[in-house]
Amino acid sequence: MRAKSISVSVSIALLALLAAGCAGSQSGQPTAGDTRFVAGDGKMQVFEAADRQPAPAIEGPTLDGGTASLAAHKGKVVVINFWASWCGPCRAEAPVLKEVAAKTKGAGVEFIGVDFKDRKADALAFERTEQSGYPSIFDQPGKVALAFQGTVPPAAIPSTLIIDEQGRIAARALGAVKYTDLMNTVTKVRDE
């Protein structure tokens, strides 16, 4: 019972830390709440194969009423992008993600979005506007992000993780990704 209590406490603390990170500092935030995010440079941090940690099993309901899971793409490279409709950099990177997803799908690369801490109506409006072409898990409570505790956490909104064919976390970007960085990293991980 004590171990379960500690696990719940750690999970709550991690969720609070991630949510606080998403909100950024109060001094730099507008009161409208439209642009809450942690700034990152969007550069890909690639992990050496020997240092990669297994990605957790993630699954959840999608915004379009289906279900998405990492397990459904076993043996493929998977790009997981954590986003929210209230995040300005998420809007800025959406066309990049859409284009790289379309260009790499035929090469066995899959994309999964994770809509984090958002209102469903706002997330659906974002999806209608951006038409990403890949499913997004509706993760209002932040359970998918919490699943990465102890591995390579998303740690910012937006964040992008690349999972290799062996199901390990191969790369991470904090902040809006740039086309060349994402395409080059996805290609590198796919060609390993």
Protein backbone atom coordinates (compact mmCIF):
# COMPACT_ATOMS: atom_id res chain seq x y z
CA MET A 1 0.00 0.00 0.00
CA ARG A 2 2.87 2.37 0.85
CA ALA A 3 4.49 1.77 -2.59
CA LYS A 4 1.21 2.60 -4.33
CA SER A 5 0.90 5.80 -2.27
CA ILE A 6 4.44 6.84 -3.18
CA SER A 7 3.80 6.06 -6.86
CA VAL A 8 0.63 8.17 -6.84
CA SER A 9 2.49 11.01 -5.11
CA VAL A 10 5.32 10.88 -7.66
CA SER A 11 2.80 10.84 -10.52
CA ILE A 12 0.95 13.85 -9.13
CA ALA A 13 4.21 15.74 -8.62
CA LEU A 14 5.36 14.98 -12.18
CA LEU A 15 2.02 16.08 -13.64
CA ALA A 16 2.16 19.31 -11.62
CA LEU A 17 5.73 19.96 -12.78
CA LEU A 18 4.85 19.34 -16.42
CA ALA A 19 1.72 21.49 -16.19
CA ALA A 20 3.69 24.27 -14.52
CA GLY A 21 6.33 23.99 -17.24
CA CYS A 22 3.65 24.32 -19.89
CA ALA A 23 2.37 27.48 -18.27
CA GLY A 24 5.82 29.05 -18.08
CA SER A 25 6.55 31.87 -15.68
CA GLN A 26 3.75 34.22 -14.73
CA SER A 27 5.80 37.29 -15.59
CA GLY A 28 6.09 36.39 -19.26
CA GLN A 29 2.54 35.22 -19.79
CA PRO A 30 -0.43 37.15 -21.09
CA THR A 31 -3.55 36.88 -18.97
CA ALA A 32 -5.56 35.56 -21.92
CA GLY A 33 -3.81 32.18 -21.57
CA ASP A 34 -3.56 31.79 -25.34
CA THR A 35 0.19 31.20 -25.55
CA ARG A 36 1.09 29.10 -22.50
CA PHE A 37 4.21 27.11 -23.39
CA VAL A 38 7.80 26.53 -22.43
CA ALA A 39 10.08 27.90 -25.09
CA GLY A 40 12.51 25.42 -26.54
CA ASP A 41 14.77 25.68 -29.52
CA GLY A 42 13.13 22.74 -31.33
CA LYS A 43 16.49 21.09 -32.02
CA MET A 44 16.54 17.32 -32.02
CA GLN A 45 18.55 15.59 -29.33
CA VAL A 46 19.43 12.17 -30.73
CA PHE A 47 20.32 9.38 -28.32
CA GLU A 48 22.96 6.77 -29.11
CA ALA A 49 21.40 3.33 -29.68
CA ALA A 50 23.10 1.88 -26.59
CA ASP A 51 21.68 4.67 -24.40
CA ARG A 52 18.07 4.51 -25.57
CA GLN A 53 15.32 3.71 -23.10
CA PRO A 54 12.20 1.73 -23.98
CA ALA A 55 9.15 3.86 -24.66
CA PRO A 56 6.21 3.17 -22.36
CA ALA A 57 3.07 1.55 -23.69
CA ILE A 58 0.75 4.40 -24.59
CA GLU A 59 -2.82 4.23 -25.77
CA GLY A 60 -5.83 6.45 -25.66
CA PRO A 61 -8.98 7.75 -27.29
CA THR A 62 -8.41 9.93 -30.33
CA LEU A 63 -10.08 13.21 -31.14
CA ASP A 64 -11.85 11.53 -34.07
CA GLY A 65 -13.46 8.90 -31.84
CA GLY A 66 -11.01 6.05 -32.43
CA THR A 67 -8.12 4.72 -30.41
CA ALA A 68 -4.39 5.13 -31.04
CA SER A 69 -1.54 3.20 -29.48
CA LEU A 70 2.17 2.86 -29.85
CA ALA A 71 1.78 -0.93 -29.89
CA ALA A 72 -0.24 -0.72 -33.13
CA HIS A 73 2.94 0.49 -34.87
CA LYS A 74 5.36 -2.10 -33.49
CA GLY A 75 8.43 -2.42 -35.71
CA LYS A 76 8.01 1.05 -37.22
CA VAL A 77 9.51 4.43 -36.46
CA VAL A 78 6.89 6.51 -34.64
CA VAL A 79 6.91 10.27 -34.12
CA ILE A 80 4.91 11.37 -31.08
CA ASN A 81 4.10 15.08 -30.90
CA PHE A 82 2.69 16.63 -27.72
CA TRP A 83 0.61 19.71 -28.54
CA ALA A 84 -2.29 21.87 -27.40
CA SER A 85 -4.58 24.29 -29.20
CA TRP A 86 -3.62 27.08 -26.76
CA CYS A 87 0.06 26.82 -27.69
CA GLY A 88 1.25 29.30 -30.35
CA PRO A 89 4.39 27.30 -31.27
CA CYS A 90 2.19 24.22 -31.73
CA ARG A 91 0.26 26.11 -34.39
CA ALA A 92 3.51 27.24 -36.00
CA GLU A 93 4.95 23.71 -36.22
CA ALA A 94 1.72 21.99 -37.37
CA PRO A 95 2.45 22.42 -41.12
CA VAL A 96 5.97 21.00 -40.61
CA LEU A 97 4.62 17.90 -38.85
CA LYS A 98 1.91 17.44 -41.48
CA GLU A 99 4.42 17.64 -44.33
CA VAL A 100 7.00 15.31 -42.78
CA ALA A 101 4.24 12.82 -41.85
CA ALA A 102 2.95 12.81 -45.44
CA LYS A 103 6.43 12.45 -46.96
CA THR A 104 7.56 9.61 -44.67
CA LYS A 105 4.36 7.55 -44.38
CA GLY A 106 5.28 5.47 -47.42
CA ALA A 107 8.63 4.70 -45.80
CA GLY A 108 7.02 3.11 -42.75
CA VAL A 109 7.03 6.11 -40.41
CA GLU A 110 3.91 6.76 -38.32
CA PHE A 111 2.85 9.90 -36.44
CA ILE A 112 0.70 10.15 -33.33
CA GLY A 113 -0.33 13.46 -31.81
CA VAL A 114 -1.03 13.84 -28.11
CA ASP A 115 -3.34 16.74 -27.30
CA PHE A 116 -2.29 17.68 -23.78
CA LYS A 117 -4.31 19.59 -21.16
CA ASP A 118 -6.78 21.03 -23.64
CA ARG A 119 -10.49 21.54 -24.05
CA LYS A 120 -11.87 19.02 -26.52
CA ALA A 121 -13.80 21.62 -28.53
CA ASP A 122 -10.66 23.73 -28.96
CA ALA A 123 -8.60 20.67 -29.92
CA LEU A 124 -11.19 19.61 -32.50
CA ALA A 125 -11.20 23.11 -34.00
CA PHE A 126 -7.38 22.99 -34.20
CA GLU A 127 -7.54 19.62 -35.97
CA ARG A 128 -10.17 20.86 -38.45
CA THR A 129 -7.95 23.83 -39.32
CA GLU A 130 -4.62 21.96 -39.50
CA GLN A 131 -5.83 18.61 -40.92
CA SER A 132 -2.70 16.83 -39.76
CA GLY A 133 -3.45 13.54 -41.49
CA TYR A 134 -2.63 11.44 -38.41
CA PRO A 135 -4.52 10.64 -35.18
CA SER A 136 -4.20 12.60 -31.96
CA ILE A 137 -4.87 11.08 -28.57
CA PHE A 138 -7.03 13.36 -26.43
CA ASP A 139 -4.98 13.44 -23.21
CA GLN A 140 -6.69 16.11 -21.13
CA PRO A 141 -5.54 14.61 -17.81
CA GLY A 142 -1.92 14.20 -18.98
CA LYS A 143 -1.67 10.41 -18.54
CA VAL A 144 0.37 9.88 -21.71
CA ALA A 145 2.96 12.45 -20.64
CA LEU A 146 3.11 10.83 -17.19
CA ALA A 147 3.80 7.45 -18.77
CA PHE A 148 7.19 8.80 -19.84
CA GLN A 149 8.32 9.54 -16.25
CA GLY A 150 11.60 7.81 -15.59
CA THR A 151 12.50 7.78 -19.31
CA VAL A 152 12.70 10.84 -21.58
CA PRO A 153 9.74 13.06 -20.65
CA PRO A 154 8.18 15.53 -23.08
CA ALA A 155 8.89 18.38 -20.57
CA ALA A 156 7.45 21.18 -22.72
CA ILE A 157 4.58 21.94 -25.04
CA PRO A 158 5.25 21.34 -27.86
CA SER A 159 7.57 18.37 -27.57
CA THR A 160 8.35 15.70 -30.13
CA LEU A 161 9.69 12.22 -29.43
CA ILE A 162 10.91 9.77 -32.07
CA ILE A 163 10.56 6.09 -31.24
CA ASP A 164 12.82 3.68 -33.15
CA GLU A 165 11.81 0.35 -34.69
CA GLN A 166 12.79 -1.45 -31.48
CA GLY A 167 10.37 0.68 -29.44
CA ARG A 168 13.07 2.84 -27.83
CA ILE A 169 13.15 6.63 -27.49
CA ALA A 170 15.65 7.65 -30.16
CA ALA A 171 15.28 11.45 -30.14
CA ARG A 172 13.52 14.37 -28.49
CA ALA A 173 12.87 17.99 -29.37
CA LEU A 174 11.54 20.55 -26.90
CA GLY A 175 9.80 23.42 -28.66
CA ALA A 176 8.57 23.78 -32.22
CA VAL A 177 10.46 21.53 -34.60
CA LYS A 178 11.93 22.75 -37.84
CA TYR A 179 11.35 20.86 -41.08
CA THR A 180 15.00 20.02 -41.82
CA ASP A 181 15.75 18.89 -38.25
CA LEU A 182 12.68 16.65 -38.07
CA MET A 183 13.06 15.17 -41.56
CA ASN A 184 16.78 14.49 -41.10
CA THR A 185 16.28 12.86 -37.69
CA VAL A 186 13.32 10.74 -38.80
CA THR A 187 15.33 9.58 -41.84
CA LYS A 188 18.40 8.81 -39.72
CA VAL A 189 16.41 6.76 -37.19
CA ARG A 190 14.50 4.96 -39.96
CA ASP A 191 17.72 4.06 -41.81
CA GLU A 192 19.54 2.65 -38.79
